[in-house]
Amino acid sequence: MKKPEILRKREDFKKLYKRGKSSNSRHLVLLYIKNGLSYNRKAFLASKKVGNSVCRNRARRLMREAFRKTEAELPLGYDFLLIARSSAVEAKCADVEISLRSALRRAGLIK
């Protein structure tokens, strides 16, 4: 059974890239848009520029954990796309969480 809170469809990604708003920070780029649903959906990306598969998976794991810790503070009804930067590989989990919080603060989604 698929989890409904994970972005999977190509149309959703296209809409995020085309009409979504962005906010960036040291370790990640945040794209977000309202989805009209009663829950948030999310996706985590790391391109080949980040490094080999071990580095990309680590960057995604760090972003997932940071998002999990801040998810309770977020408003409902948004699609979030977190894109890792190459600096996320050497970062600690707390650094990525601080980076995510600053991007969310700049976007006006949390205080």
C-alpha atoms as a PDB file:
ATOM      1  CA  MET A   1       0.000   0.000   0.000  1.00  0.00           C
ATOM      2  CA  LYS A   2       1.403   3.364  -1.012  1.00  0.00           C
ATOM      3  CA  LYS A   3       1.612   6.200   1.454  1.00  0.00           C
ATOM      4  CA  PRO A   4      -0.580   9.105   0.262  1.00  0.00           C
ATOM      5  CA  GLU A   5       1.669  11.739   1.864  1.00  0.00           C
ATOM      6  CA  ILE A   6       4.573  11.073  -0.531  1.00  0.00           C
ATOM      7  CA  LEU A   7       4.731  12.865  -3.892  1.00  0.00           C
ATOM      8  CA  ARG A   8       5.067  10.380  -6.737  1.00  0.00           C
ATOM      9  CA  LYS A   9       3.228  11.661  -9.809  1.00  0.00           C
ATOM     10  CA  ARG A  10       5.069  13.521 -12.522  1.00  0.00           C
ATOM     11  CA  GLU A  11       2.278  16.104 -12.783  1.00  0.00           C
ATOM     12  CA  ASP A  12       2.747  17.041  -9.134  1.00  0.00           C
ATOM     13  CA  PHE A  13       6.472  17.566  -9.643  1.00  0.00           C
ATOM     14  CA  LYS A  14       5.849  19.620 -12.789  1.00  0.00           C
ATOM     15  CA  LYS A  15       3.371  21.816 -10.923  1.00  0.00           C
ATOM     16  CA  LEU A  16       5.861  22.312  -8.086  1.00  0.00           C
ATOM     17  CA  TYR A  17       8.655  23.310 -10.457  1.00  0.00           C
ATOM     18  CA  LYS A  18       6.437  25.564 -12.570  1.00  0.00           C
ATOM     19  CA  ARG A  19       4.177  27.313 -10.037  1.00  0.00           C
ATOM     20  CA  GLY A  20       5.738  26.507  -6.671  1.00  0.00           C
ATOM     21  CA  LYS A  21       7.593  28.989  -4.524  1.00  0.00           C
ATOM     22  CA  SER A  22      11.143  28.354  -3.404  1.00  0.00           C
ATOM     23  CA  SER A  23      13.268  29.094  -0.405  1.00  0.00           C
ATOM     24  CA  ASN A  24      16.866  28.072  -0.082  1.00  0.00           C
ATOM     25  CA  SER A  25      19.392  27.634   2.653  1.00  0.00           C
ATOM     26  CA  ARG A  26      22.894  26.309   3.090  1.00  0.00           C
ATOM     27  CA  HIS A  27      22.188  22.578   2.798  1.00  0.00           C
ATOM     28  CA  LEU A  28      18.915  22.374   0.850  1.00  0.00           C
ATOM     29  CA  VAL A  29      16.425  24.042  -1.447  1.00  0.00           C
ATOM     30  CA  LEU A  30      12.743  23.995  -0.478  1.00  0.00           C
ATOM     31  CA  LEU A  31       9.956  24.145  -3.069  1.00  0.00           C
ATOM     32  CA  TYR A  32       6.379  24.365  -1.817  1.00  0.00           C
ATOM     33  CA  ILE A  33       2.866  24.943  -3.094  1.00  0.00           C
ATOM     34  CA  LYS A  34      -0.657  24.614  -1.667  1.00  0.00           C
ATOM     35  CA  ASN A  35      -2.262  21.312  -2.637  1.00  0.00           C
ATOM     36  CA  GLY A  36      -5.863  21.767  -1.442  1.00  0.00           C
ATOM     37  CA  LEU A  37      -5.764  18.570   0.620  1.00  0.00           C
ATOM     38  CA  SER A  38      -6.122  18.095   4.353  1.00  0.00           C
ATOM     39  CA  TYR A  39      -2.570  16.757   4.704  1.00  0.00           C
ATOM     40  CA  ASN A  40       0.951  17.574   3.547  1.00  0.00           C
ATOM     41  CA  ARG A  41       2.780  15.681   0.851  1.00  0.00           C
ATOM     42  CA  LYS A  42       6.560  15.595   0.554  1.00  0.00           C
ATOM     43  CA  ALA A  43       9.448  14.403  -1.594  1.00  0.00           C
ATOM     44  CA  PHE A  44      13.220  14.395  -1.088  1.00  0.00           C
ATOM     45  CA  LEU A  45      15.676  14.651  -3.977  1.00  0.00           C
ATOM     46  CA  ALA A  46      19.434  14.466  -4.312  1.00  0.00           C
ATOM     47  CA  SER A  47      20.934  14.765  -7.785  1.00  0.00           C
ATOM     48  CA  LYS A  48      24.099  13.089  -9.011  1.00  0.00           C
ATOM     49  CA  LYS A  49      25.936  16.359  -8.376  1.00  0.00           C
ATOM     50  CA  VAL A  50      25.646  15.587  -4.649  1.00  0.00           C
ATOM     51  CA  GLY A  51      27.859  12.502  -4.973  1.00  0.00           C
ATOM     52  CA  ASN A  52      27.670   8.758  -5.364  1.00  0.00           C
ATOM     53  CA  SER A  53      24.678   6.708  -4.246  1.00  0.00           C
ATOM     54  CA  VAL A  54      25.897   6.456  -0.658  1.00  0.00           C
ATOM     55  CA  CYS A  55      26.180  10.252  -0.396  1.00  0.00           C
ATOM     56  CA  ARG A  56      22.812  10.844  -2.071  1.00  0.00           C
ATOM     57  CA  ASN A  57      21.051   8.379   0.228  1.00  0.00           C
ATOM     58  CA  ARG A  58      22.670   9.964   3.292  1.00  0.00           C
ATOM     59  CA  ALA A  59      21.554  13.424   2.160  1.00  0.00           C
ATOM     60  CA  ARG A  60      17.976  12.157   1.676  1.00  0.00           C
ATOM     61  CA  ARG A  61      18.004  10.453   5.081  1.00  0.00           C
ATOM     62  CA  LEU A  62      19.169  13.643   6.768  1.00  0.00           C
ATOM     63  CA  MET A  63      16.456  15.694   5.049  1.00  0.00           C
ATOM     64  CA  ARG A  64      13.758  13.137   5.952  1.00  0.00           C
ATOM     65  CA  GLU A  65      14.794  13.204   9.602  1.00  0.00           C
ATOM     66  CA  ALA A  66      14.893  17.015   9.703  1.00  0.00           C
ATOM     67  CA  PHE A  67      11.450  17.175   8.084  1.00  0.00           C
ATOM     68  CA  ARG A  68      10.078  14.593  10.528  1.00  0.00           C
ATOM     69  CA  LYS A  69      11.240  16.726  13.462  1.00  0.00           C
ATOM     70  CA  THR A  70       9.676  19.941  12.121  1.00  0.00           C
ATOM     71  CA  GLU A  71       6.527  18.445  10.591  1.00  0.00           C
ATOM     72  CA  ALA A  72       4.329  19.145  13.622  1.00  0.00           C
ATOM     73  CA  GLU A  73       4.918  22.901  13.275  1.00  0.00           C
ATOM     74  CA  LEU A  74       3.945  23.075   9.597  1.00  0.00           C
ATOM     75  CA  PRO A  75       0.532  24.173   8.318  1.00  0.00           C
ATOM     76  CA  LEU A  76      -1.542  21.512   6.541  1.00  0.00           C
ATOM     77  CA  GLY A  77      -2.374  21.442   2.851  1.00  0.00           C
ATOM     78  CA  TYR A  78       1.050  21.884   1.216  1.00  0.00           C
ATOM     79  CA  ASP A  79       3.321  19.940  -1.118  1.00  0.00           C
ATOM     80  CA  PHE A  80       6.989  20.109  -0.136  1.00  0.00           C
ATOM     81  CA  LEU A  81       9.988  19.194  -2.255  1.00  0.00           C
ATOM     82  CA  LEU A  82      13.372  19.230  -0.531  1.00  0.00           C
ATOM     83  CA  ILE A  83      16.404  19.168  -2.823  1.00  0.00           C
ATOM     84  CA  ALA A  84      19.784  18.420  -1.282  1.00  0.00           C
ATOM     85  CA  ARG A  85      22.830  20.536  -1.968  1.00  0.00           C
ATOM     86  CA  SER A  86      26.282  19.004  -2.043  1.00  0.00           C
ATOM     87  CA  SER A  87      27.103  20.529   1.349  1.00  0.00           C
ATOM     88  CA  ALA A  88      24.422  18.330   2.968  1.00  0.00           C
ATOM     89  CA  VAL A  89      26.628  15.244   2.684  1.00  0.00           C
ATOM     90  CA  GLU A  90      29.214  16.461   5.198  1.00  0.00           C
ATOM     91  CA  ALA A  91      26.618  18.076   7.456  1.00  0.00           C
ATOM     92  CA  LYS A  92      25.339  16.691  10.715  1.00  0.00           C
ATOM     93  CA  CYS A  93      21.643  16.020  11.256  1.00  0.00           C
ATOM     94  CA  ALA A  94      21.268  19.091  13.478  1.00  0.00           C
ATOM     95  CA  ASP A  95      22.827  21.297  10.771  1.00  0.00           C
ATOM     96  CA  VAL A  96      20.324  20.081   8.171  1.00  0.00           C
ATOM     97  CA  GLU A  97      17.464  20.659  10.611  1.00  0.00           C
ATOM     98  CA  ILE A  98      18.639  24.236  11.248  1.00  0.00           C
ATOM     99  CA  SER A  99      18.927  24.736   7.499  1.00  0.00           C
ATOM    100  CA  LEU A 100      15.388  23.440   6.927  1.00  0.00           C
ATOM    101  CA  ARG A 101      13.978  25.624   9.696  1.00  0.00           C
ATOM    102  CA  SER A 102      15.632  28.712   8.215  1.00  0.00           C
ATOM    103  CA  ALA A 103      14.214  27.930   4.764  1.00  0.00           C
ATOM    104  CA  LEU A 104      10.733  27.427   6.259  1.00  0.00           C
ATOM    105  CA  ARG A 105      11.060  30.662   8.243  1.00  0.00           C
ATOM    106  CA  ARG A 106      12.057  32.589   5.095  1.00  0.00           C
ATOM    107  CA  ALA A 107       9.054  31.102   3.308  1.00  0.00           C
ATOM    108  CA  GLY A 108       6.775  32.232   6.133  1.00  0.00           C
ATOM    109  CA  LEU A 109       5.539  28.733   6.922  1.00  0.00           C
ATOM    110  CA  ILE A 110       6.784  28.635  10.529  1.00  0.00           C
ATOM    111  CA  LYS A 111       7.690  31.299  13.066  1.00  0.00           C
END
